[in-house]
Amino acid sequence: RPISQPGPKYPPAAQRAGATATVQVEFTVGTDGSITSARVVSSDATRQFQRDFEREALNAVKRWRFQPIGQATTSRRTISFEQ
């Protein structure tokens, strides 16, 4: 169960350009509830802003915290950047 899931920061240049994106991230929750690893699985961002959106999605996921669990678990979530 999530304890804290802060949202991503919108990349400023992408926001000024009106760009939107969805980024799918796979992450592993460790037994203490922290994120032990995270990676981008897919992204529909335009090439110009793809790295920015992916970086901010990963930064957000790495800050997430869950209740401690008995065994590490891997999951996927889609993060949307919309104005």
N, C-alpha and C. Protein backbone atom coordinates (compact mmCIF):
# COMPACT_ATOMS: atom_id res chain seq x y z
N ARG A 1 0.82 -1.19 0.00
CA ARG A 1 0.00 0.00 0.00
C ARG A 1 0.87 1.25 0.00
N PRO A 2 0.50 2.21 -0.82
CA PRO A 2 1.31 3.44 -0.88
C PRO A 2 1.19 4.26 0.40
N ILE A 3 2.30 4.83 0.80
CA ILE A 3 2.33 5.79 1.91
C ILE A 3 2.47 7.18 1.32
N SER A 4 3.36 7.31 0.34
CA SER A 4 3.63 8.60 -0.29
C SER A 4 3.96 8.37 -1.76
N GLN A 5 3.25 9.09 -2.64
CA GLN A 5 3.53 9.00 -4.08
C GLN A 5 3.52 10.40 -4.69
N PRO A 6 4.56 11.19 -4.39
CA PRO A 6 4.60 12.53 -4.97
C PRO A 6 4.64 12.46 -6.49
N GLY A 7 3.96 13.40 -7.11
CA GLY A 7 3.90 13.44 -8.57
C GLY A 7 5.19 13.97 -9.17
N PRO A 8 5.34 13.78 -10.46
CA PRO A 8 6.54 14.25 -11.14
C PRO A 8 6.48 15.76 -11.37
N LYS A 9 7.64 16.35 -11.55
CA LYS A 9 7.72 17.75 -11.95
C LYS A 9 7.59 17.81 -13.47
N TYR A 10 6.83 18.75 -13.95
CA TYR A 10 6.66 18.91 -15.40
C TYR A 10 7.92 19.58 -15.95
N PRO A 11 8.58 19.00 -16.93
CA PRO A 11 9.78 19.65 -17.48
C PRO A 11 9.42 21.04 -18.02
N PRO A 12 10.08 22.08 -17.55
CA PRO A 12 9.70 23.45 -17.93
C PRO A 12 9.66 23.70 -19.44
N ALA A 13 10.66 23.24 -20.17
CA ALA A 13 10.67 23.49 -21.62
C ALA A 13 9.51 22.78 -22.30
N ALA A 14 9.20 21.59 -21.86
CA ALA A 14 8.08 20.84 -22.42
C ALA A 14 6.76 21.53 -22.09
N GLN A 15 6.67 22.05 -20.89
CA GLN A 15 5.45 22.75 -20.49
C GLN A 15 5.24 24.00 -21.32
N ARG A 16 6.31 24.77 -21.54
CA ARG A 16 6.20 25.98 -22.36
C ARG A 16 5.78 25.64 -23.79
N ALA A 17 6.24 24.49 -24.27
CA ALA A 17 5.93 24.08 -25.64
C ALA A 17 4.56 23.42 -25.75
N GLY A 18 3.91 23.18 -24.61
CA GLY A 18 2.61 22.53 -24.63
C GLY A 18 2.68 21.03 -24.87
N ALA A 19 3.85 20.43 -24.66
CA ALA A 19 4.04 19.00 -24.90
C ALA A 19 3.42 18.18 -23.77
N THR A 20 2.85 17.04 -24.13
CA THR A 20 2.32 16.09 -23.17
C THR A 20 2.96 14.73 -23.42
N ALA A 21 2.84 13.84 -22.45
CA ALA A 21 3.43 12.51 -22.60
C ALA A 21 2.87 11.56 -21.55
N THR A 22 3.00 10.28 -21.83
CA THR A 22 2.80 9.26 -20.82
C THR A 22 4.07 8.40 -20.81
N VAL A 23 4.49 8.05 -19.60
CA VAL A 23 5.71 7.26 -19.42
C VAL A 23 5.36 6.07 -18.54
N GLN A 24 5.62 4.87 -19.03
CA GLN A 24 5.39 3.67 -18.22
C GLN A 24 6.70 3.30 -17.54
N VAL A 25 6.61 3.13 -16.22
CA VAL A 25 7.80 2.84 -15.41
C VAL A 25 7.60 1.52 -14.68
N GLU A 26 8.64 0.70 -14.68
CA GLU A 26 8.65 -0.53 -13.89
C GLU A 26 9.55 -0.27 -12.69
N PHE A 27 9.07 -0.68 -11.51
CA PHE A 27 9.84 -0.41 -10.30
C PHE A 27 9.71 -1.57 -9.32
N THR A 28 10.69 -1.69 -8.46
CA THR A 28 10.68 -2.72 -7.43
C THR A 28 10.59 -2.06 -6.07
N VAL A 29 9.64 -2.53 -5.27
CA VAL A 29 9.47 -2.05 -3.90
C VAL A 29 10.19 -3.05 -3.00
N GLY A 30 11.14 -2.54 -2.23
CA GLY A 30 11.89 -3.39 -1.30
C GLY A 30 11.07 -3.71 -0.06
N THR A 31 11.58 -4.61 0.76
CA THR A 31 10.84 -5.04 1.95
C THR A 31 10.61 -3.90 2.95
N ASP A 32 11.43 -2.86 2.89
CA ASP A 32 11.24 -1.72 3.79
C ASP A 32 10.27 -0.69 3.22
N GLY A 33 9.74 -0.94 2.01
CA GLY A 33 8.77 -0.02 1.40
C GLY A 33 9.39 1.03 0.50
N SER A 34 10.71 1.05 0.39
CA SER A 34 11.36 2.02 -0.50
C SER A 34 11.51 1.42 -1.89
N ILE A 35 11.73 2.27 -2.86
CA ILE A 35 11.96 1.83 -4.23
C ILE A 35 13.43 1.43 -4.37
N THR A 36 13.67 0.19 -4.76
CA THR A 36 15.05 -0.28 -4.88
C THR A 36 15.57 -0.17 -6.30
N SER A 37 14.67 -0.15 -7.29
CA SER A 37 15.09 0.06 -8.68
C SER A 37 13.90 0.55 -9.48
N ALA A 38 14.20 1.28 -10.56
CA ALA A 38 13.15 1.78 -11.43
C ALA A 38 13.73 1.99 -12.82
N ARG A 39 12.91 1.69 -13.84
CA ARG A 39 13.35 1.89 -15.21
C ARG A 39 12.15 2.24 -16.07
N VAL A 40 12.42 2.95 -17.16
CA VAL A 40 11.37 3.30 -18.11
C VAL A 40 11.13 2.10 -19.02
N VAL A 41 9.87 1.73 -19.17
CA VAL A 41 9.49 0.63 -20.05
C VAL A 41 9.09 1.18 -21.41
N SER A 42 8.31 2.26 -21.40
CA SER A 42 7.90 2.88 -22.66
C SER A 42 7.53 4.34 -22.42
N SER A 43 7.50 5.08 -23.52
CA SER A 43 7.17 6.50 -23.45
C SER A 43 6.63 6.93 -24.80
N ASP A 44 5.59 7.78 -24.77
CA ASP A 44 5.07 8.29 -26.04
C ASP A 44 5.47 9.76 -26.25
N ALA A 45 6.45 10.21 -25.49
CA ALA A 45 6.91 11.60 -25.60
C ALA A 45 7.57 11.84 -26.96
N THR A 46 7.46 13.07 -27.41
CA THR A 46 8.17 13.41 -28.64
C THR A 46 9.66 13.35 -28.38
N ARG A 47 10.40 13.07 -29.42
CA ARG A 47 11.84 12.89 -29.29
C ARG A 47 12.50 14.10 -28.61
N GLN A 48 12.02 15.28 -28.92
CA GLN A 48 12.59 16.51 -28.37
C GLN A 48 12.58 16.53 -26.84
N PHE A 49 11.50 16.01 -26.24
CA PHE A 49 11.35 16.09 -24.79
C PHE A 49 11.38 14.73 -24.10
N GLN A 50 11.66 13.67 -24.84
CA GLN A 50 11.58 12.33 -24.28
C GLN A 50 12.46 12.14 -23.04
N ARG A 51 13.72 12.54 -23.13
CA ARG A 51 14.62 12.38 -21.97
C ARG A 51 14.14 13.15 -20.76
N ASP A 52 13.60 14.35 -20.99
CA ASP A 52 13.12 15.18 -19.88
C ASP A 52 11.95 14.50 -19.17
N PHE A 53 10.96 14.04 -19.95
CA PHE A 53 9.81 13.38 -19.35
C PHE A 53 10.22 12.09 -18.62
N GLU A 54 11.07 11.30 -19.23
CA GLU A 54 11.50 10.04 -18.63
C GLU A 54 12.28 10.29 -17.34
N ARG A 55 13.15 11.28 -17.35
CA ARG A 55 13.93 11.60 -16.14
C ARG A 55 13.01 12.01 -14.99
N GLU A 56 12.05 12.88 -15.27
CA GLU A 56 11.15 13.35 -14.22
C GLU A 56 10.23 12.24 -13.71
N ALA A 57 9.82 11.34 -14.60
CA ALA A 57 9.00 10.20 -14.16
C ALA A 57 9.80 9.31 -13.22
N LEU A 58 11.04 8.99 -13.59
CA LEU A 58 11.89 8.16 -12.73
C LEU A 58 12.20 8.85 -11.40
N ASN A 59 12.46 10.14 -11.44
CA ASN A 59 12.74 10.88 -10.20
C ASN A 59 11.55 10.80 -9.25
N ALA A 60 10.34 10.91 -9.79
CA ALA A 60 9.14 10.84 -8.95
C ALA A 60 9.00 9.45 -8.34
N VAL A 61 9.12 8.42 -9.16
CA VAL A 61 8.95 7.05 -8.67
C VAL A 61 9.97 6.72 -7.59
N LYS A 62 11.18 7.18 -7.75
CA LYS A 62 12.22 6.90 -6.76
C LYS A 62 11.93 7.53 -5.40
N ARG A 63 11.04 8.53 -5.36
CA ARG A 63 10.65 9.17 -4.09
C ARG A 63 9.45 8.48 -3.44
N TRP A 64 8.80 7.58 -4.16
CA TRP A 64 7.62 6.91 -3.62
C TRP A 64 8.00 6.02 -2.43
N ARG A 65 7.05 5.87 -1.51
CA ARG A 65 7.23 5.01 -0.35
C ARG A 65 5.96 4.20 -0.15
N PHE A 66 6.16 2.94 0.23
CA PHE A 66 5.06 2.03 0.48
C PHE A 66 5.19 1.45 1.87
N GLN A 67 4.12 0.81 2.36
CA GLN A 67 4.21 0.12 3.63
C GLN A 67 5.18 -1.05 3.48
N PRO A 68 5.94 -1.36 4.52
CA PRO A 68 6.86 -2.50 4.44
C PRO A 68 6.12 -3.78 4.06
N ILE A 69 6.80 -4.63 3.30
CA ILE A 69 6.21 -5.88 2.83
C ILE A 69 7.16 -7.04 3.10
N GLY A 70 6.65 -8.25 3.05
CA GLY A 70 7.45 -9.43 3.36
C GLY A 70 8.44 -9.80 2.29
N GLN A 71 8.13 -9.45 1.04
CA GLN A 71 8.99 -9.83 -0.08
C GLN A 71 8.99 -8.71 -1.11
N ALA A 72 10.15 -8.44 -1.69
CA ALA A 72 10.25 -7.39 -2.72
C ALA A 72 9.27 -7.70 -3.86
N THR A 73 8.66 -6.65 -4.38
CA THR A 73 7.64 -6.79 -5.43
C THR A 73 7.93 -5.82 -6.56
N THR A 74 7.77 -6.29 -7.78
CA THR A 74 7.95 -5.44 -8.95
C THR A 74 6.59 -5.11 -9.55
N SER A 75 6.43 -3.87 -9.96
CA SER A 75 5.16 -3.40 -10.51
C SER A 75 5.42 -2.40 -11.63
N ARG A 76 4.37 -2.06 -12.35
CA ARG A 76 4.45 -1.03 -13.38
C ARG A 76 3.34 -0.01 -13.18
N ARG A 77 3.68 1.23 -13.49
CA ARG A 77 2.68 2.32 -13.44
C ARG A 77 2.91 3.22 -14.62
N THR A 78 1.84 3.83 -15.08
CA THR A 78 1.93 4.82 -16.15
C THR A 78 1.76 6.20 -15.53
N ILE A 79 2.70 7.06 -15.84
CA ILE A 79 2.68 8.43 -15.33
C ILE A 79 2.33 9.35 -16.51
N SER A 80 1.31 10.17 -16.31
CA SER A 80 0.85 11.07 -17.36
C SER A 80 1.29 12.49 -17.08
N PHE A 81 1.75 13.15 -18.11
CA PHE A 81 2.09 14.57 -18.05
C PHE A 81 1.10 15.27 -18.98
N GLU A 82 0.16 15.98 -18.38
CA GLU A 82 -0.84 16.70 -19.18
C GLU A 82 -0.98 18.10 -18.61
N GLN A 83 -1.27 19.02 -19.51
CA GLN A 83 -1.41 20.41 -19.05
C GLN A 83 -2.87 20.73 -18.82
